[in-house]
Amino acid sequence: MVPEQPSQIKVHYLAPSVNQKEKAKDMTAYVVPDQATHVEYFIHFTHQQFVSNILGRLEESSRKKGDLLFELLPKCLQGAGVTIWSQILEELEVEKKTKDEDLWYACIQRYLEEVAGLKYLKDAAIRFLLNSKKPLEMTPHQYFRRRSTIVGYIESKLLRGNIAMPMQV
């Protein structure tokens, strides 16, 4: 029997204060956790809610702190997601490097590639857009909405690839 994905989990974290005289604030947020079942699940739910519900509540100066990003994201993962994330951190030897936003996105890109079982997801998404045709059962509105969603994924920092986005897709 497959375990059921929880709709949301409560994430507790300490939000650092900009003023050094003040203590860090104890905060909570609700996020849909990722269990490494599907790439789009992480992009559409977990990452989006992580950015809005957790990072969105932090001071501007704290949002790009690598240590904080690497501390908070694993709290939004469960099951296989936690295992894959820790393996990627070990492979990339994150502990030996300066943690910053670019390294964090590089880890997320690798995480999504592991979940998909496919390297360079951005390239695969671009090829899909170039070669796909509208299925008969899909309305034109649904088809173009789906394509614009995929273009949004391609333009985000979440997918890694070598192919440049064509002018017209």
N, C-alpha and C. Protein backbone atom coordinates (compact mmCIF):
# COMPACT_ATOMS: atom_id res chain seq x y z
N MET A 1 0.84 -1.19 0.00
CA MET A 1 0.00 0.00 0.00
C MET A 1 0.88 1.25 0.00
N VAL A 2 0.56 2.21 -0.84
CA VAL A 2 1.32 3.44 -0.96
C VAL A 2 0.87 4.42 0.13
N PRO A 3 1.83 5.00 0.89
CA PRO A 3 1.43 5.95 1.91
C PRO A 3 0.83 7.20 1.27
N GLU A 4 -0.16 7.75 1.94
CA GLU A 4 -0.86 8.92 1.41
C GLU A 4 -0.05 10.18 1.67
N GLN A 5 0.00 11.03 0.67
CA GLN A 5 0.71 12.31 0.77
C GLN A 5 -0.09 13.25 1.66
N PRO A 6 0.52 13.79 2.73
CA PRO A 6 -0.23 14.75 3.56
C PRO A 6 -0.50 16.03 2.78
N SER A 7 -1.62 16.66 3.05
CA SER A 7 -1.96 17.88 2.32
C SER A 7 -1.04 19.02 2.71
N GLN A 8 -0.70 19.13 3.97
CA GLN A 8 0.22 20.17 4.44
C GLN A 8 0.90 19.71 5.72
N ILE A 9 2.08 20.27 5.96
CA ILE A 9 2.75 20.04 7.24
C ILE A 9 3.09 21.39 7.84
N LYS A 10 3.25 21.38 9.14
CA LYS A 10 3.59 22.61 9.86
C LYS A 10 5.11 22.64 10.02
N VAL A 11 5.73 23.70 9.52
CA VAL A 11 7.18 23.85 9.58
C VAL A 11 7.52 24.92 10.61
N HIS A 12 8.30 24.54 11.62
CA HIS A 12 8.75 25.49 12.64
C HIS A 12 10.16 25.95 12.27
N TYR A 13 10.41 27.24 12.40
CA TYR A 13 11.75 27.75 12.11
C TYR A 13 12.00 29.04 12.87
N LEU A 14 13.27 29.37 13.02
CA LEU A 14 13.67 30.62 13.66
C LEU A 14 14.03 31.62 12.58
N ALA A 15 13.33 32.74 12.57
CA ALA A 15 13.61 33.79 11.59
C ALA A 15 14.63 34.75 12.20
N PRO A 16 15.81 34.83 11.60
CA PRO A 16 16.83 35.72 12.17
C PRO A 16 16.40 37.17 12.12
N SER A 17 16.80 37.91 13.12
CA SER A 17 16.45 39.32 13.20
C SER A 17 17.54 40.15 12.53
N VAL A 18 17.14 41.24 11.87
CA VAL A 18 18.10 42.13 11.25
C VAL A 18 18.87 42.88 12.33
N ASN A 19 18.15 43.28 13.36
CA ASN A 19 18.75 43.97 14.49
C ASN A 19 19.40 42.94 15.40
N GLN A 20 20.69 43.07 15.65
CA GLN A 20 21.40 42.07 16.45
C GLN A 20 20.98 42.07 17.91
N LYS A 21 20.33 43.14 18.36
CA LYS A 21 19.89 43.21 19.76
C LYS A 21 18.64 42.37 20.00
N GLU A 22 17.88 42.14 18.95
CA GLU A 22 16.65 41.36 19.07
C GLU A 22 16.95 39.88 18.88
N LYS A 23 16.13 39.06 19.52
CA LYS A 23 16.26 37.61 19.37
C LYS A 23 15.59 37.18 18.06
N ALA A 24 15.97 36.00 17.61
CA ALA A 24 15.33 35.43 16.42
C ALA A 24 13.88 35.09 16.78
N LYS A 25 12.99 35.28 15.81
CA LYS A 25 11.57 35.01 16.03
C LYS A 25 11.27 33.54 15.74
N ASP A 26 10.48 32.94 16.62
CA ASP A 26 10.01 31.58 16.40
C ASP A 26 8.78 31.66 15.50
N MET A 27 8.85 31.06 14.31
CA MET A 27 7.76 31.17 13.35
C MET A 27 7.32 29.78 12.88
N THR A 28 6.13 29.73 12.35
CA THR A 28 5.61 28.50 11.75
C THR A 28 4.95 28.84 10.41
N ALA A 29 4.95 27.87 9.53
CA ALA A 29 4.30 28.03 8.23
C ALA A 29 3.78 26.66 7.80
N TYR A 30 2.77 26.68 6.98
CA TYR A 30 2.22 25.45 6.42
C TYR A 30 2.69 25.30 4.98
N VAL A 31 3.24 24.12 4.68
CA VAL A 31 3.78 23.84 3.35
C VAL A 31 3.36 22.43 2.95
N VAL A 32 3.06 22.25 1.67
CA VAL A 32 2.79 20.92 1.15
C VAL A 32 4.14 20.22 1.01
N PRO A 33 4.37 19.12 1.72
CA PRO A 33 5.68 18.46 1.68
C PRO A 33 5.90 17.69 0.38
N ASP A 34 7.15 17.51 0.02
CA ASP A 34 7.47 16.72 -1.16
C ASP A 34 8.06 15.39 -0.72
N GLN A 35 7.59 14.31 -1.31
CA GLN A 35 8.10 12.97 -1.01
C GLN A 35 8.83 12.37 -2.21
N ALA A 36 9.29 13.24 -3.11
CA ALA A 36 10.04 12.82 -4.31
C ALA A 36 9.23 11.89 -5.19
N THR A 37 7.95 12.19 -5.36
CA THR A 37 7.12 11.35 -6.22
C THR A 37 7.05 11.88 -7.64
N HIS A 38 7.12 13.20 -7.81
CA HIS A 38 6.97 13.79 -9.13
C HIS A 38 7.60 15.17 -9.14
N VAL A 39 8.31 15.49 -10.21
CA VAL A 39 9.01 16.78 -10.33
C VAL A 39 8.05 17.96 -10.21
N GLU A 40 6.96 17.88 -10.96
CA GLU A 40 6.02 19.00 -10.96
C GLU A 40 5.39 19.23 -9.59
N TYR A 41 5.26 18.18 -8.83
CA TYR A 41 4.70 18.32 -7.48
C TYR A 41 5.58 19.24 -6.65
N PHE A 42 6.90 19.03 -6.71
CA PHE A 42 7.82 19.88 -5.96
C PHE A 42 7.76 21.32 -6.47
N ILE A 43 7.83 21.50 -7.79
CA ILE A 43 7.85 22.85 -8.37
C ILE A 43 6.56 23.58 -8.07
N HIS A 44 5.44 22.91 -8.32
CA HIS A 44 4.14 23.58 -8.24
C HIS A 44 3.66 23.79 -6.80
N PHE A 45 3.92 22.85 -5.93
CA PHE A 45 3.41 22.97 -4.56
C PHE A 45 4.50 23.32 -3.55
N THR A 46 5.45 22.41 -3.35
CA THR A 46 6.42 22.56 -2.26
C THR A 46 7.27 23.82 -2.42
N HIS A 47 7.92 23.97 -3.56
CA HIS A 47 8.80 25.14 -3.74
C HIS A 47 8.02 26.44 -3.71
N GLN A 48 6.89 26.46 -4.38
CA GLN A 48 6.07 27.67 -4.43
C GLN A 48 5.62 28.08 -3.03
N GLN A 49 5.18 27.13 -2.23
CA GLN A 49 4.74 27.45 -0.87
C GLN A 49 5.93 27.75 0.03
N PHE A 50 7.07 27.11 -0.21
CA PHE A 50 8.28 27.41 0.55
C PHE A 50 8.66 28.87 0.35
N VAL A 51 8.64 29.32 -0.89
CA VAL A 51 9.00 30.70 -1.20
C VAL A 51 7.99 31.68 -0.60
N SER A 52 6.71 31.41 -0.77
CA SER A 52 5.71 32.38 -0.29
C SER A 52 5.47 32.30 1.22
N ASN A 53 5.36 31.10 1.77
CA ASN A 53 5.00 30.97 3.18
C ASN A 53 6.18 31.06 4.15
N ILE A 54 7.37 30.73 3.68
CA ILE A 54 8.53 30.77 4.57
C ILE A 54 9.46 31.93 4.19
N LEU A 55 10.00 31.90 2.99
CA LEU A 55 10.92 32.97 2.60
C LEU A 55 10.22 34.32 2.54
N GLY A 56 8.98 34.32 2.13
CA GLY A 56 8.22 35.57 2.04
C GLY A 56 8.01 36.26 3.37
N ARG A 57 8.13 35.53 4.45
CA ARG A 57 7.93 36.10 5.79
C ARG A 57 9.24 36.53 6.45
N LEU A 58 10.36 36.26 5.78
CA LEU A 58 11.65 36.64 6.34
C LEU A 58 12.02 38.06 5.91
N GLU A 59 12.92 38.66 6.67
CA GLU A 59 13.45 39.97 6.30
C GLU A 59 14.18 39.82 4.96
N GLU A 60 14.19 40.87 4.17
CA GLU A 60 14.82 40.85 2.85
C GLU A 60 16.27 40.37 2.91
N SER A 61 17.01 40.82 3.90
CA SER A 61 18.43 40.45 4.00
C SER A 61 18.62 38.97 4.35
N SER A 62 17.64 38.33 4.96
CA SER A 62 17.76 36.93 5.37
C SER A 62 17.38 35.95 4.27
N ARG A 63 16.65 36.41 3.27
CA ARG A 63 16.09 35.51 2.25
C ARG A 63 17.14 34.82 1.40
N LYS A 64 18.27 35.45 1.21
CA LYS A 64 19.28 34.88 0.32
C LYS A 64 20.45 34.26 1.08
N LYS A 65 20.31 34.14 2.40
CA LYS A 65 21.38 33.53 3.19
C LYS A 65 21.38 32.03 2.94
N GLY A 66 22.50 31.54 2.42
CA GLY A 66 22.60 30.14 2.05
C GLY A 66 22.38 29.19 3.21
N ASP A 67 22.97 29.48 4.37
CA ASP A 67 22.81 28.59 5.52
C ASP A 67 21.34 28.40 5.86
N LEU A 68 20.59 29.49 5.83
CA LEU A 68 19.17 29.44 6.17
C LEU A 68 18.38 28.65 5.13
N LEU A 69 18.69 28.85 3.84
CA LEU A 69 18.00 28.11 2.77
C LEU A 69 18.23 26.61 2.92
N PHE A 70 19.49 26.23 3.19
CA PHE A 70 19.81 24.81 3.34
C PHE A 70 19.23 24.22 4.62
N GLU A 71 18.98 25.04 5.60
CA GLU A 71 18.38 24.57 6.86
C GLU A 71 16.88 24.38 6.72
N LEU A 72 16.21 25.28 6.00
CA LEU A 72 14.75 25.28 5.95
C LEU A 72 14.16 24.31 4.93
N LEU A 73 14.76 24.18 3.75
CA LEU A 73 14.15 23.33 2.72
C LEU A 73 13.97 21.88 3.15
N PRO A 74 14.95 21.24 3.81
CA PRO A 74 14.74 19.83 4.21
C PRO A 74 13.55 19.63 5.14
N LYS A 75 13.13 20.68 5.82
CA LYS A 75 11.96 20.56 6.69
C LYS A 75 10.68 20.40 5.87
N CYS A 76 10.76 20.69 4.57
CA CYS A 76 9.61 20.58 3.68
C CYS A 76 9.63 19.30 2.86
N LEU A 77 10.58 18.42 3.15
CA LEU A 77 10.70 17.15 2.44
C LEU A 77 10.37 16.00 3.37
N GLN A 78 9.91 14.90 2.80
CA GLN A 78 9.59 13.71 3.58
C GLN A 78 10.02 12.47 2.80
N GLY A 79 10.21 11.38 3.53
CA GLY A 79 10.48 10.07 2.93
C GLY A 79 11.67 10.08 1.99
N ALA A 80 11.44 9.63 0.75
CA ALA A 80 12.50 9.55 -0.25
C ALA A 80 13.09 10.92 -0.56
N GLY A 81 12.29 11.97 -0.43
CA GLY A 81 12.78 13.33 -0.68
C GLY A 81 13.93 13.70 0.23
N VAL A 82 13.84 13.35 1.50
CA VAL A 82 14.90 13.65 2.47
C VAL A 82 16.16 12.86 2.11
N THR A 83 15.99 11.60 1.74
CA THR A 83 17.12 10.74 1.38
C THR A 83 17.84 11.28 0.15
N ILE A 84 17.08 11.61 -0.87
CA ILE A 84 17.67 12.14 -2.11
C ILE A 84 18.38 13.46 -1.83
N TRP A 85 17.77 14.35 -1.05
CA TRP A 85 18.36 15.65 -0.73
C TRP A 85 19.70 15.45 -0.01
N SER A 86 19.74 14.55 0.99
CA SER A 86 21.00 14.34 1.72
C SER A 86 22.07 13.74 0.82
N GLN A 87 21.70 12.85 -0.09
CA GLN A 87 22.68 12.28 -1.02
C GLN A 87 23.27 13.36 -1.92
N ILE A 88 22.44 14.27 -2.38
CA ILE A 88 22.91 15.34 -3.25
C ILE A 88 23.86 16.27 -2.49
N LEU A 89 23.52 16.58 -1.25
CA LEU A 89 24.40 17.44 -0.45
C LEU A 89 25.76 16.77 -0.25
N GLU A 90 25.77 15.45 -0.07
CA GLU A 90 27.03 14.71 0.08
C GLU A 90 27.81 14.70 -1.24
N GLU A 91 27.12 14.41 -2.35
CA GLU A 91 27.78 14.35 -3.66
C GLU A 91 28.41 15.69 -4.03
N LEU A 92 27.70 16.77 -3.78
CA LEU A 92 28.21 18.09 -4.14
C LEU A 92 29.13 18.67 -3.06
N GLU A 93 29.33 17.91 -1.99
CA GLU A 93 30.18 18.33 -0.87
C GLU A 93 29.84 19.75 -0.40
N VAL A 94 28.56 19.94 -0.14
CA VAL A 94 28.04 21.25 0.24
C VAL A 94 28.67 21.77 1.54
N GLU A 95 28.97 20.86 2.46
CA GLU A 95 29.54 21.28 3.75
C GLU A 95 30.90 21.96 3.58
N LYS A 96 31.62 21.62 2.51
CA LYS A 96 32.96 22.19 2.29
C LYS A 96 32.91 23.50 1.50
N LYS A 97 31.73 23.85 1.00
CA LYS A 97 31.61 25.04 0.14
C LYS A 97 30.89 26.16 0.88
N THR A 98 31.00 27.35 0.33
CA THR A 98 30.25 28.48 0.86
C THR A 98 28.81 28.34 0.40
N LYS A 99 27.92 28.28 1.36
CA LYS A 99 26.51 28.10 1.03
C LYS A 99 25.94 29.45 0.59
N ASP A 100 25.43 29.48 -0.62
CA ASP A 100 24.77 30.68 -1.13
C ASP A 100 23.56 30.26 -1.97
N GLU A 101 22.87 31.25 -2.49
CA GLU A 101 21.64 30.98 -3.24
C GLU A 101 21.92 30.18 -4.52
N ASP A 102 23.05 30.45 -5.18
CA ASP A 102 23.38 29.72 -6.42
C ASP A 102 23.62 28.24 -6.14
N LEU A 103 24.33 27.94 -5.07
CA LEU A 103 24.57 26.54 -4.70
C LEU A 103 23.25 25.86 -4.32
N TRP A 104 22.38 26.59 -3.64
CA TRP A 104 21.07 26.07 -3.24
C TRP A 104 20.26 25.68 -4.48
N TYR A 105 20.24 26.57 -5.49
CA TYR A 105 19.51 26.25 -6.72
C TYR A 105 20.16 25.10 -7.46
N ALA A 106 21.48 25.01 -7.43
CA ALA A 106 22.17 23.88 -8.07
C ALA A 106 21.75 22.57 -7.41
N CYS A 107 21.61 22.58 -6.09
CA CYS A 107 21.16 21.38 -5.37
C CYS A 107 19.71 21.04 -5.71
N ILE A 108 18.87 22.05 -5.83
CA ILE A 108 17.47 21.81 -6.20
C ILE A 108 17.40 21.22 -7.61
N GLN A 109 18.20 21.75 -8.53
CA GLN A 109 18.22 21.22 -9.89
C GLN A 109 18.60 19.74 -9.90
N ARG A 110 19.62 19.41 -9.14
CA ARG A 110 20.04 18.01 -9.04
C ARG A 110 18.96 17.15 -8.38
N TYR A 111 18.31 17.70 -7.36
CA TYR A 111 17.23 16.98 -6.67
C TYR A 111 16.12 16.64 -7.67
N LEU A 112 15.70 17.62 -8.45
CA LEU A 112 14.62 17.38 -9.42
C LEU A 112 15.05 16.38 -10.50
N GLU A 113 16.31 16.43 -10.90
CA GLU A 113 16.80 15.47 -11.89
C GLU A 113 16.81 14.05 -11.32
N GLU A 114 17.15 13.93 -10.04
CA GLU A 114 17.12 12.61 -9.38
C GLU A 114 15.69 12.08 -9.30
N VAL A 115 14.76 12.96 -8.94
CA VAL A 115 13.35 12.56 -8.84
C VAL A 115 12.84 12.10 -10.20
N ALA A 116 13.20 12.83 -11.24
CA ALA A 116 12.72 12.50 -12.60
C ALA A 116 13.49 11.34 -13.21
N GLY A 117 14.72 11.10 -12.71
CA GLY A 117 15.55 10.07 -13.32
C GLY A 117 16.05 10.51 -14.68
N LEU A 118 16.24 11.81 -14.84
CA LEU A 118 16.60 12.38 -16.14
C LEU A 118 17.51 13.58 -15.92
N LYS A 119 18.61 13.63 -16.63
CA LYS A 119 19.53 14.76 -16.50
C LYS A 119 19.09 15.88 -17.44
N TYR A 120 19.33 17.11 -17.05
CA TYR A 120 18.99 18.30 -17.84
C TYR A 120 17.49 18.38 -18.16
N LEU A 121 16.71 18.57 -17.14
CA LEU A 121 15.25 18.65 -17.29
C LEU A 121 14.81 19.82 -18.16
N LYS A 122 15.55 20.91 -18.10
CA LYS A 122 15.19 22.08 -18.91
C LYS A 122 15.23 21.71 -20.40
N ASP A 123 16.25 20.97 -20.81
CA ASP A 123 16.37 20.55 -22.21
C ASP A 123 15.19 19.66 -22.61
N ALA A 124 14.81 18.75 -21.71
CA ALA A 124 13.69 17.85 -21.99
C ALA A 124 12.38 18.64 -22.13
N ALA A 125 12.20 19.65 -21.27
CA ALA A 125 10.99 20.48 -21.34
C ALA A 125 10.95 21.28 -22.63
N ILE A 126 12.09 21.81 -23.06
CA ILE A 126 12.14 22.57 -24.32
C ILE A 126 11.84 21.65 -25.50
N ARG A 127 12.44 20.47 -25.50
CA ARG A 127 12.15 19.51 -26.59
C ARG A 127 10.67 19.13 -26.61
N PHE A 128 10.09 18.97 -25.42
CA PHE A 128 8.66 18.64 -25.34
C PHE A 128 7.84 19.76 -25.99
N LEU A 129 8.15 21.01 -25.66
CA LEU A 129 7.39 22.13 -26.23
C LEU A 129 7.54 22.20 -27.75
N LEU A 130 8.74 21.93 -28.24
CA LEU A 130 8.99 22.00 -29.67
C LEU A 130 8.30 20.87 -30.45
N ASN A 131 8.16 19.71 -29.82
CA ASN A 131 7.65 18.54 -30.54
C ASN A 131 6.22 18.15 -30.19
N SER A 132 5.62 18.80 -29.21
CA SER A 132 4.29 18.35 -28.77
C SER A 132 3.18 18.95 -29.64
N LYS A 133 2.11 18.20 -29.71
CA LYS A 133 0.91 18.65 -30.41
C LYS A 133 -0.25 18.54 -29.45
N LYS A 134 -1.26 19.33 -29.69
CA LYS A 134 -2.43 19.34 -28.80
C LYS A 134 -3.18 18.02 -28.90
N PRO A 135 -3.37 17.35 -27.74
CA PRO A 135 -4.18 16.13 -27.75
C PRO A 135 -5.64 16.46 -28.10
N LEU A 136 -6.32 15.54 -28.74
CA LEU A 136 -7.70 15.78 -29.16
C LEU A 136 -8.64 16.11 -27.99
N GLU A 137 -8.44 15.41 -26.86
CA GLU A 137 -9.35 15.60 -25.73
C GLU A 137 -9.11 16.91 -24.97
N MET A 138 -8.04 17.60 -25.29
CA MET A 138 -7.70 18.84 -24.57
C MET A 138 -8.22 20.04 -25.35
N THR A 139 -8.84 20.97 -24.64
CA THR A 139 -9.31 22.19 -25.31
C THR A 139 -8.11 23.08 -25.63
N PRO A 140 -8.24 23.97 -26.60
CA PRO A 140 -7.12 24.88 -26.90
C PRO A 140 -6.70 25.70 -25.67
N HIS A 141 -7.66 26.12 -24.88
CA HIS A 141 -7.35 26.89 -23.67
C HIS A 141 -6.49 26.07 -22.70
N GLN A 142 -6.88 24.82 -22.48
CA GLN A 142 -6.11 23.94 -21.59
C GLN A 142 -4.69 23.71 -22.14
N TYR A 143 -4.60 23.52 -23.46
CA TYR A 143 -3.33 23.25 -24.09
C TYR A 143 -2.37 24.44 -23.94
N PHE A 144 -2.85 25.64 -24.21
CA PHE A 144 -1.98 26.81 -24.11
C PHE A 144 -1.66 27.15 -22.66
N ARG A 145 -2.58 26.87 -21.76
CA ARG A 145 -2.28 27.06 -20.34
C ARG A 145 -1.20 26.10 -19.88
N ARG A 146 -1.26 24.88 -20.34
CA ARG A 146 -0.25 23.87 -20.01
C ARG A 146 1.12 24.28 -20.57
N ARG A 147 1.12 24.74 -21.80
CA ARG A 147 2.38 25.19 -22.42
C ARG A 147 2.97 26.39 -21.67
N SER A 148 2.13 27.33 -21.28
CA SER A 148 2.66 28.50 -20.56
C SER A 148 3.18 28.10 -19.18
N THR A 149 2.59 27.09 -18.56
CA THR A 149 3.10 26.58 -17.28
C THR A 149 4.49 25.99 -17.48
N ILE A 150 4.67 25.22 -18.53
CA ILE A 150 5.97 24.60 -18.81
C ILE A 150 7.01 25.67 -19.14
N VAL A 151 6.62 26.70 -19.89
CA VAL A 151 7.55 27.80 -20.18
C VAL A 151 7.97 28.48 -18.87
N GLY A 152 7.05 28.63 -17.95
CA GLY A 152 7.38 29.20 -16.63
C GLY A 152 8.40 28.35 -15.90
N TYR A 153 8.27 27.04 -15.97
CA TYR A 153 9.24 26.14 -15.35
C TYR A 153 10.62 26.31 -16.00
N ILE A 154 10.63 26.41 -17.33
CA ILE A 154 11.88 26.55 -18.07
C ILE A 154 12.58 27.86 -17.70
N GLU A 155 11.81 28.91 -17.56
CA GLU A 155 12.40 30.23 -17.27
C GLU A 155 12.80 30.40 -15.81
N SER A 156 12.37 29.49 -14.93
CA SER A 156 12.75 29.58 -13.52
C SER A 156 14.17 29.06 -13.35
N LYS A 157 14.72 29.22 -12.16
CA LYS A 157 16.07 28.73 -11.85
C LYS A 157 16.05 27.27 -11.42
N LEU A 158 14.88 26.64 -11.45
CA LEU A 158 14.74 25.30 -10.90
C LEU A 158 15.22 24.18 -11.82
N LEU A 159 15.29 24.44 -13.12
CA LEU A 159 15.68 23.40 -14.07
C LEU A 159 17.01 23.73 -14.70
N ARG A 160 17.82 22.69 -14.89
CA ARG A 160 19.15 22.86 -15.47
C ARG A 160 19.13 22.34 -16.89
N GLY A 161 19.86 23.03 -17.79
CA GLY A 161 19.94 22.57 -19.16
C GLY A 161 20.98 23.31 -19.96
N ASN A 162 21.21 22.82 -21.18
CA ASN A 162 22.21 23.41 -22.07
C ASN A 162 21.57 24.10 -23.30
N ILE A 163 20.34 23.76 -23.58
CA ILE A 163 19.67 24.30 -24.76
C ILE A 163 19.08 25.66 -24.43
N ALA A 164 19.27 26.61 -25.34
CA ALA A 164 18.67 27.94 -25.16
C ALA A 164 17.20 27.87 -25.56
N MET A 165 16.39 28.66 -24.90
CA MET A 165 14.96 28.71 -25.21
C MET A 165 14.78 29.36 -26.58
N PRO A 166 14.12 28.67 -27.52
CA PRO A 166 13.90 29.27 -28.85
C PRO A 166 13.02 30.51 -28.75
N MET A 167 13.09 31.35 -29.74
CA MET A 167 12.30 32.59 -29.73
C MET A 167 10.80 32.30 -29.73
N GLN A 168 10.39 31.35 -30.54
CA GLN A 168 8.97 31.01 -30.59
C GLN A 168 8.83 29.53 -30.32
N VAL A 169 7.97 29.23 -29.37
CA VAL A 169 7.76 27.83 -29.03
C VAL A 169 6.35 27.44 -29.40
